[in-house]
Amino acid sequence: MPLDQSELDLIRGSISKIAQQFNLDYWRKADANKDYPWDFKNALAEGGWLGMFMPEQYGGMGLGLQEVGIVLDELGRKCGFNGNSVFQYFVFPPGPVIHHGHQEMKKEFLPKLATGEEMMCFGVTEPDNGVDTSRLKTFAKKDGKRYLVNGRKVWISNAMNADRILLLTRTAPRDPERPFDGVTLFLTRLKGKKGVEINRIDKIMRNTVDSDEIVFDNFEVFEDEIVGEEGKGFRCLIAGLNPERIAVAYTAIGLGRGALELTTQYAKDRVVFDRPIGKNQAVAHPLAEAWMRLEAAELMTQKAARMFDEGKSCGPEANAAKFLATDAGFMAADFGMQFHGGYSMSKEYHISRFWMETRHLKIAPISQQMVCNFIADKVLGLPKSY
């Protein structure tokens, strides 16, 4: 049952109080030092927020995507993408386990994730296949009751600190007629195991949460670690794509609002030619437009989240929300860079981090162009282009 407005306001107020303890100066320092924000994670854990999307039977709050969206918006606004990413990796990667894991797996793992006792990462992306998941090369070869995994993953966030990995591999060669068959999903321990090498990627942004290349060399996984059925792992991932799109939309809206607030205050304070620059319509009108576009994107995102929570098909709405929100978020941040002028290059003013973070969301986890491909094919019925 959806929460009423007073309850939603309580969620936002509670998250805002946590965020105020970790201001933008905190995140600038953590980002520069590439420090994982353990104290921030623990503050979220103490409030029970890491398990808010988790079913109550596994120690979570059992709330919906609409409520999670409030947290994503508020953290994006107050903390930027670094803080938002810490929260996300407890909320969305376990989706396939919740819906497709066997009962023993869920009982053993999910409560630990809900409390923050354990962390996880999501091992899907590879160096050469791009968004064509059917062309995975990482292979798990059956050897009795175990499998030996060999291959490489790249852009795997959180791997340096993760206790477990949700790992997508091939267990059968690719069949051109059924390209997504033969793909298997494992939930297995990562920390302390042999046969795995993790190398951190040096990035321009979001450095409190690591992104890594992982090399597997006869890495052991076992039959009881399979999520769903052998050879049908891709189907387990599908259900998680729509909430991921919606989550990114809420994140982009929060980042855009954070950038807009910084820029609006700067436009009030910055005096050039004896007047605040916000008095000039060339500054005021773009900021007003950015606000309107963020509000419109939020309506699309709320629609998609509501449909998901009601169990309705929402692929077009989720993708549209991601497209519109990341465009609106980047517009707000880009105006922020422009109107901060030379000071946009100074880390003291924070705006450059919002700009890089919103720009990133136009690429990942799915590009704007792939969203357009989806809408053209699935909604408009145009011939598939790939």
Protein backbone atom coordinates (compact mmCIF):
# COMPACT_ATOMS: atom_id res chain seq x y z
CA MET A 1 0.00 0.00 0.00
CA PRO A 2 1.50 3.38 -1.02
CA LEU A 3 2.52 5.74 1.75
CA ASP A 4 0.68 9.00 2.24
CA GLN A 5 2.33 12.37 1.73
CA SER A 6 3.20 12.87 5.40
CA GLU A 7 5.06 9.55 5.41
CA LEU A 8 6.89 10.44 2.20
CA ASP A 9 7.86 13.78 3.75
CA LEU A 10 9.17 11.91 6.78
CA ILE A 11 11.43 9.81 4.54
CA ARG A 12 12.79 12.89 2.80
CA GLY A 13 13.34 14.69 6.09
CA SER A 14 15.16 11.72 7.62
CA ILE A 15 17.47 11.36 4.62
CA SER A 16 18.06 15.11 4.55
CA LYS A 17 19.25 14.99 8.18
CA ILE A 18 21.75 12.26 7.33
CA ALA A 19 22.93 14.11 4.22
CA GLN A 20 23.53 17.28 6.23
CA GLN A 21 26.17 15.43 8.24
CA PHE A 22 28.09 14.76 5.01
CA ASN A 23 28.19 18.02 3.10
CA LEU A 24 29.73 18.72 -0.29
CA ASP A 25 33.11 19.50 1.28
CA TYR A 26 33.09 16.00 2.81
CA TRP A 27 32.41 14.45 -0.60
CA ARG A 28 35.02 16.60 -2.35
CA LYS A 29 37.67 15.36 0.07
CA ALA A 30 36.54 11.72 -0.09
CA ASP A 31 36.48 11.86 -3.88
CA ALA A 32 39.96 13.37 -4.06
CA ASN A 33 41.36 10.73 -1.69
CA LYS A 34 39.38 7.87 -3.25
CA ASP A 35 38.12 6.96 0.22
CA TYR A 36 35.08 4.74 0.58
CA PRO A 37 32.65 6.64 2.89
CA TRP A 38 32.19 4.02 5.58
CA ASP A 39 30.77 6.49 8.09
CA PHE A 40 28.11 7.57 5.60
CA LYS A 41 27.23 3.96 4.79
CA ASN A 42 26.96 3.17 8.49
CA ALA A 43 24.67 6.15 9.05
CA LEU A 44 22.32 4.83 6.35
CA ALA A 45 22.53 1.34 7.87
CA GLU A 46 21.69 2.58 11.37
CA GLY A 47 18.51 4.12 10.03
CA GLY A 48 17.57 0.91 8.24
CA TRP A 49 17.69 2.66 4.86
CA LEU A 50 19.96 0.13 3.15
CA GLY A 51 17.15 -2.40 3.34
CA MET A 52 14.24 -0.17 2.38
CA PHE A 53 13.64 -1.98 -0.95
CA MET A 54 14.16 -5.41 0.64
CA PRO A 55 11.15 -7.58 1.58
CA GLU A 56 10.31 -7.42 5.28
CA GLN A 57 10.81 -11.18 5.70
CA TYR A 58 14.54 -10.62 5.05
CA GLY A 59 14.91 -7.68 7.41
CA GLY A 60 13.98 -4.89 5.01
CA MET A 61 11.29 -2.21 5.00
CA GLY A 62 9.43 -3.67 2.01
CA LEU A 63 8.91 -0.23 0.45
CA GLY A 64 8.45 0.53 -3.24
CA LEU A 65 10.37 2.33 -5.93
CA GLN A 66 8.43 5.54 -5.33
CA GLU A 67 9.80 5.69 -1.78
CA VAL A 68 13.31 4.68 -2.88
CA GLY A 69 13.13 7.48 -5.45
CA ILE A 70 12.77 10.06 -2.70
CA VAL A 71 16.04 8.87 -1.16
CA LEU A 72 17.82 8.90 -4.53
CA ASP A 73 16.57 12.41 -5.26
CA GLU A 74 17.56 13.77 -1.86
CA LEU A 75 20.99 12.12 -1.79
CA GLY A 76 21.73 13.25 -5.34
CA ARG A 77 20.75 16.77 -4.44
CA LYS A 78 22.72 17.01 -1.18
CA CYS A 79 25.63 14.61 -1.68
CA GLY A 80 26.07 14.14 -5.41
CA PHE A 81 26.57 10.85 -7.20
CA ASN A 82 29.12 9.53 -4.70
CA GLY A 83 26.59 9.35 -1.86
CA ASN A 84 23.88 8.15 -4.16
CA SER A 85 26.03 5.27 -5.41
CA VAL A 86 26.71 3.99 -1.90
CA PHE A 87 22.96 3.64 -1.33
CA GLN A 88 22.19 2.16 -4.75
CA TYR A 89 24.54 -0.79 -4.40
CA PHE A 90 22.56 -2.08 -1.45
CA VAL A 91 19.20 -1.54 -3.10
CA PHE A 92 19.23 -2.64 -6.75
CA PRO A 93 21.89 -5.31 -7.45
CA PRO A 94 20.16 -7.86 -5.18
CA GLY A 95 16.96 -7.73 -7.27
CA PRO A 96 17.66 -10.96 -9.19
CA VAL A 97 18.42 -12.74 -5.90
CA ILE A 98 15.16 -11.52 -4.34
CA HIS A 99 13.08 -12.67 -7.31
CA HIS A 100 14.98 -15.72 -8.54
CA GLY A 101 17.34 -16.95 -5.81
CA HIS A 102 16.56 -20.18 -3.96
CA GLN A 103 15.25 -19.94 -0.42
CA GLU A 104 18.48 -20.88 1.36
CA MET A 105 20.42 -18.28 -0.63
CA LYS A 106 17.94 -15.54 0.24
CA LYS A 107 17.79 -16.41 3.92
CA GLU A 108 21.56 -16.52 4.23
CA PHE A 109 22.46 -13.41 2.24
CA LEU A 110 19.67 -10.84 2.07
CA PRO A 111 19.45 -9.99 5.81
CA LYS A 112 23.19 -9.31 5.86
CA LEU A 113 22.82 -6.94 2.92
CA ALA A 114 19.82 -5.17 4.47
CA THR A 115 21.81 -4.33 7.60
CA GLY A 116 25.00 -3.41 5.76
CA GLU A 117 26.91 -6.32 7.29
CA GLU A 118 27.86 -7.44 3.77
CA MET A 119 28.36 -5.60 0.48
CA MET A 120 28.04 -6.80 -3.09
CA CYS A 121 28.91 -5.90 -6.66
CA PHE A 122 27.33 -6.69 -10.01
CA GLY A 123 29.57 -8.48 -12.55
CA VAL A 124 28.03 -8.15 -16.01
CA THR A 125 29.96 -5.73 -18.26
CA GLU A 126 32.91 -6.96 -20.33
CA PRO A 127 35.58 -5.12 -22.33
CA ASP A 128 34.43 -6.09 -25.82
CA ASN A 129 30.69 -6.72 -25.91
CA GLY A 130 29.31 -3.26 -25.04
CA VAL A 131 25.55 -3.49 -24.44
CA ASP A 132 25.27 -6.80 -26.35
CA THR A 133 25.09 -9.05 -23.30
CA SER A 134 24.59 -12.14 -25.49
CA ARG A 135 28.26 -11.93 -26.51
CA LEU A 136 29.73 -12.50 -23.07
CA LYS A 137 33.08 -14.27 -23.20
CA THR A 138 33.53 -15.03 -19.50
CA PHE A 139 32.86 -18.77 -19.28
CA ALA A 140 32.06 -21.07 -16.36
CA LYS A 141 33.05 -24.64 -17.24
CA LYS A 142 31.33 -27.45 -15.33
CA ASP A 143 33.66 -29.61 -13.24
CA GLY A 144 31.63 -31.94 -11.03
CA LYS A 145 29.52 -29.82 -8.66
CA ARG A 146 31.66 -26.79 -9.26
CA TYR A 147 32.37 -24.52 -12.21
CA LEU A 148 35.69 -22.93 -13.12
CA VAL A 149 35.29 -19.36 -14.33
CA ASN A 150 37.72 -17.72 -16.74
CA GLY A 151 37.38 -14.30 -18.32
CA ARG A 152 37.32 -10.57 -17.67
CA LYS A 153 34.79 -8.04 -16.44
CA VAL A 154 35.18 -4.28 -16.60
CA TRP A 155 33.52 -1.23 -15.02
CA ILE A 156 32.45 -3.33 -12.05
CA SER A 157 31.67 -0.89 -9.28
CA ASN A 158 32.26 -1.70 -5.61
CA ALA A 159 34.42 -4.78 -6.27
CA MET A 160 37.27 -3.64 -3.99
CA ASN A 161 35.03 -3.79 -0.93
CA ALA A 162 32.38 -6.32 -1.99
CA ASP A 163 31.94 -9.52 -0.02
CA ARG A 164 30.03 -11.14 -2.89
CA ILE A 165 29.56 -10.74 -6.60
CA LEU A 166 26.48 -11.36 -8.71
CA LEU A 167 28.36 -12.79 -11.68
CA LEU A 168 26.99 -13.34 -15.18
CA THR A 169 28.85 -15.91 -17.27
CA ARG A 170 28.36 -18.24 -20.17
CA THR A 171 27.93 -21.93 -19.36
CA ALA A 172 27.27 -22.91 -22.99
CA PRO A 173 28.52 -21.49 -26.31
CA ARG A 174 26.47 -18.76 -27.96
CA ASP A 175 23.76 -20.03 -30.29
CA PRO A 176 22.97 -17.40 -32.97
CA GLU A 177 19.39 -18.65 -33.08
CA ARG A 178 18.94 -18.24 -29.29
CA PRO A 179 21.76 -15.85 -28.34
CA PHE A 180 20.68 -15.26 -24.72
CA ASP A 181 20.44 -18.93 -23.82
CA GLY A 182 23.43 -20.54 -22.13
CA VAL A 183 24.03 -17.56 -19.83
CA THR A 184 24.10 -18.31 -16.09
CA LEU A 185 23.97 -16.01 -13.07
CA PHE A 186 25.89 -16.87 -9.88
CA LEU A 187 25.90 -15.23 -6.45
CA THR A 188 29.27 -16.13 -4.97
CA ARG A 189 31.82 -14.91 -2.47
CA LEU A 190 34.47 -12.61 -3.91
CA LYS A 191 36.50 -11.37 -0.96
CA GLY A 192 39.37 -13.67 -0.01
CA LYS A 193 38.87 -16.22 -2.80
CA LYS A 194 41.56 -17.51 -5.12
CA GLY A 195 41.51 -17.13 -8.88
CA VAL A 196 40.47 -13.47 -9.03
CA GLU A 197 42.42 -10.26 -9.58
CA ILE A 198 40.78 -6.84 -9.09
CA ASN A 199 42.35 -3.73 -10.59
CA ARG A 200 40.92 -0.28 -9.86
CA ILE A 201 40.23 1.99 -12.85
CA ASP A 202 41.44 5.58 -12.52
CA LYS A 203 38.39 7.78 -13.17
CA ILE A 204 37.60 11.48 -13.48
CA MET A 205 34.60 11.29 -11.14
CA ARG A 206 32.72 9.27 -8.46
CA ASN A 207 35.94 8.07 -6.90
CA THR A 208 34.60 7.18 -3.45
CA VAL A 209 33.05 4.08 -5.03
CA ASP A 210 35.63 2.16 -7.03
CA SER A 211 35.11 0.90 -10.59
CA ASP A 212 37.27 -2.05 -11.53
CA GLU A 213 38.51 -4.55 -14.03
CA ILE A 214 38.24 -8.12 -12.72
CA VAL A 215 40.21 -11.03 -14.16
CA PHE A 216 39.04 -14.58 -13.37
CA ASP A 217 41.48 -17.48 -13.62
CA ASN A 218 39.89 -20.82 -12.68
CA PHE A 219 37.70 -18.99 -10.16
CA GLU A 220 35.45 -21.49 -8.38
CA VAL A 221 31.67 -21.19 -8.23
CA PHE A 222 29.19 -23.91 -7.28
CA GLU A 223 25.81 -25.32 -8.26
CA ASP A 224 24.08 -24.01 -5.14
CA GLU A 225 25.26 -20.48 -6.04
CA ILE A 226 23.21 -20.35 -9.25
CA VAL A 227 20.48 -17.71 -9.26
CA GLY A 228 17.48 -19.08 -11.11
CA GLU A 229 18.37 -21.86 -13.56
CA GLU A 230 21.56 -22.75 -15.36
CA GLY A 231 21.58 -21.25 -18.84
CA LYS A 232 18.72 -18.85 -18.10
CA GLY A 233 20.54 -16.13 -16.19
CA PHE A 234 19.74 -13.39 -18.66
CA ARG A 235 16.04 -13.78 -17.87
CA CYS A 236 16.85 -13.10 -14.23
CA LEU A 237 18.43 -9.77 -15.20
CA ILE A 238 15.52 -8.52 -17.31
CA ALA A 239 13.26 -7.80 -14.33
CA GLY A 240 15.95 -5.54 -12.89
CA LEU A 241 16.35 -3.31 -15.93
CA ASN A 242 13.24 -1.17 -15.48
CA PRO A 243 13.86 -0.28 -11.82
CA GLU A 244 17.47 0.53 -12.71
CA ARG A 245 16.31 2.97 -15.40
CA ILE A 246 13.89 4.59 -12.97
CA ALA A 247 16.53 4.79 -10.25
CA VAL A 248 18.92 6.54 -12.64
CA ALA A 249 16.16 9.00 -13.50
CA TYR A 250 15.60 9.89 -9.84
CA THR A 251 19.36 10.21 -9.38
CA ALA A 252 19.71 12.55 -12.36
CA ILE A 253 16.85 14.71 -11.11
CA GLY A 254 18.50 14.99 -7.70
CA LEU A 255 21.86 15.89 -9.24
CA GLY A 256 20.20 18.46 -11.48
CA ARG A 257 18.44 20.05 -8.53
CA GLY A 258 21.68 20.15 -6.57
CA ALA A 259 23.43 21.87 -9.47
CA LEU A 260 20.54 24.29 -9.91
CA GLU A 261 20.57 25.25 -6.24
CA LEU A 262 24.31 25.92 -6.32
CA THR A 263 23.99 28.02 -9.48
CA THR A 264 20.95 29.95 -8.31
CA GLN A 265 22.75 30.98 -5.13
CA TYR A 266 25.85 31.90 -7.12
CA ALA A 267 23.71 34.00 -9.49
CA LYS A 268 22.34 35.91 -6.49
CA ASP A 269 25.76 36.47 -4.93
CA ARG A 270 27.98 37.12 -7.95
CA VAL A 271 28.08 40.83 -8.82
CA VAL A 272 29.37 41.96 -12.23
CA PHE A 273 28.83 45.47 -13.67
CA ASP A 274 27.35 46.53 -10.33
CA ARG A 275 24.49 44.00 -10.41
CA PRO A 276 24.01 40.34 -9.49
CA ILE A 277 24.28 38.20 -12.62
CA GLY A 278 20.94 36.58 -11.77
CA LYS A 279 19.28 39.89 -12.68
CA ASN A 280 20.24 39.29 -16.30
CA GLN A 281 17.63 37.40 -18.30
CA ALA A 282 20.38 35.54 -20.17
CA VAL A 283 21.11 33.87 -16.82
CA ALA A 284 17.66 33.85 -15.22
CA HIS A 285 15.73 32.36 -18.13
CA PRO A 286 17.94 29.28 -18.64
CA LEU A 287 17.81 28.54 -14.90
CA ALA A 288 14.02 28.87 -14.96
CA GLU A 289 13.89 26.49 -17.93
CA ALA A 290 16.12 24.00 -16.12
CA TRP A 291 13.72 24.00 -13.16
CA MET A 292 10.73 23.36 -15.42
CA ARG A 293 12.44 20.51 -17.25
CA LEU A 294 13.43 18.84 -13.98
CA GLU A 295 9.85 19.07 -12.72
CA ALA A 296 8.49 17.58 -15.95
CA ALA A 297 11.06 14.77 -15.88
CA GLU A 298 10.07 14.00 -12.29
CA LEU A 299 6.44 13.51 -13.35
CA MET A 300 7.48 10.96 -15.97
CA THR A 301 9.71 9.25 -13.42
CA GLN A 302 6.96 9.12 -10.80
CA LYS A 303 4.62 7.59 -13.38
CA ALA A 304 7.15 4.87 -14.23
CA ALA A 305 7.84 4.16 -10.52
CA ARG A 306 4.12 3.95 -9.74
CA MET A 307 3.56 1.51 -12.61
CA PHE A 308 6.46 -0.65 -11.42
CA ASP A 309 5.19 -0.71 -7.83
CA GLU A 310 1.74 -1.73 -9.11
CA GLY A 311 3.27 -4.64 -11.02
CA LYS A 312 2.48 -3.18 -14.43
CA SER A 313 4.64 -3.39 -17.54
CA CYS A 314 6.63 -0.14 -17.66
CA GLY A 315 9.50 -0.57 -20.13
CA PRO A 316 8.66 2.47 -22.30
CA GLU A 317 7.95 4.66 -19.28
CA ALA A 318 11.14 3.59 -17.45
CA ASN A 319 13.29 4.26 -20.49
CA ALA A 320 11.56 7.58 -21.20
CA ALA A 321 12.10 8.63 -17.59
CA LYS A 322 15.80 7.82 -17.82
CA PHE A 323 16.14 9.79 -21.08
CA LEU A 324 14.23 12.87 -19.96
CA ALA A 325 15.71 13.03 -16.46
CA THR A 326 19.33 12.70 -17.56
CA ASP A 327 18.82 15.34 -20.23
CA ALA A 328 17.20 17.67 -17.69
CA GLY A 329 19.85 16.98 -15.03
CA PHE A 330 22.70 17.63 -17.44
CA MET A 331 21.05 20.80 -18.73
CA ALA A 332 20.88 22.19 -15.19
CA ALA A 333 24.51 21.27 -14.48
CA ASP A 334 25.72 22.58 -17.83
CA PHE A 335 24.04 25.93 -17.23
CA GLY A 336 25.72 25.85 -13.84
CA MET A 337 29.14 25.48 -15.44
CA GLN A 338 28.41 28.30 -17.88
CA PHE A 339 27.18 30.77 -15.29
CA HIS A 340 29.92 30.03 -12.79
CA GLY A 341 32.29 31.20 -15.51
CA GLY A 342 35.94 30.71 -14.67
CA TYR A 343 35.04 29.57 -11.16
CA SER A 344 33.42 26.47 -12.67
CA MET A 345 36.96 25.12 -12.97
CA SER A 346 37.57 25.53 -9.24
CA LYS A 347 36.77 22.49 -7.11
CA GLU A 348 35.85 24.89 -4.31
CA TYR A 349 32.55 25.58 -6.06
CA HIS A 350 31.52 21.91 -6.49
CA ILE A 351 29.61 22.54 -9.73
CA SER A 352 32.11 20.66 -11.90
CA ARG A 353 31.42 17.40 -10.04
CA PHE A 354 27.68 17.72 -10.65
CA TRP A 355 28.43 18.43 -14.30
CA MET A 356 30.61 15.33 -14.73
CA GLU A 357 28.18 13.14 -12.82
CA THR A 358 25.11 14.15 -14.82
CA ARG A 359 27.07 13.79 -18.06
CA HIS A 360 28.02 10.26 -17.07
CA LEU A 361 24.36 9.29 -16.64
CA LYS A 362 23.69 10.10 -20.30
CA ILE A 363 25.99 7.15 -21.06
CA ALA A 364 25.47 4.63 -18.28
CA PRO A 365 23.86 2.28 -17.53
CA ILE A 366 22.33 2.73 -20.98
CA SER A 367 23.00 5.49 -23.49
CA GLN A 368 20.41 7.96 -24.69
CA GLN A 369 20.79 6.49 -28.18
CA MET A 370 19.91 2.98 -26.97
CA VAL A 371 16.84 4.37 -25.23
CA CYS A 372 15.76 5.90 -28.55
CA ASN A 373 16.37 2.53 -30.23
CA PHE A 374 14.12 0.87 -27.66
CA ILE A 375 11.30 3.40 -28.08
CA ALA A 376 11.55 3.34 -31.88
CA ASP A 377 11.37 -0.46 -31.96
CA LYS A 378 9.10 -1.39 -29.04
CA VAL A 379 6.73 1.59 -28.97
CA LEU A 380 6.63 2.94 -32.53
CA GLY A 381 7.09 -0.40 -34.24
CA LEU A 382 9.90 0.78 -36.51
CA PRO A 383 12.33 -1.78 -37.97
CA LYS A 384 15.03 -2.81 -35.48
CA SER A 385 18.33 -1.13 -36.25
CA TYR A 386 20.70 -3.56 -34.53
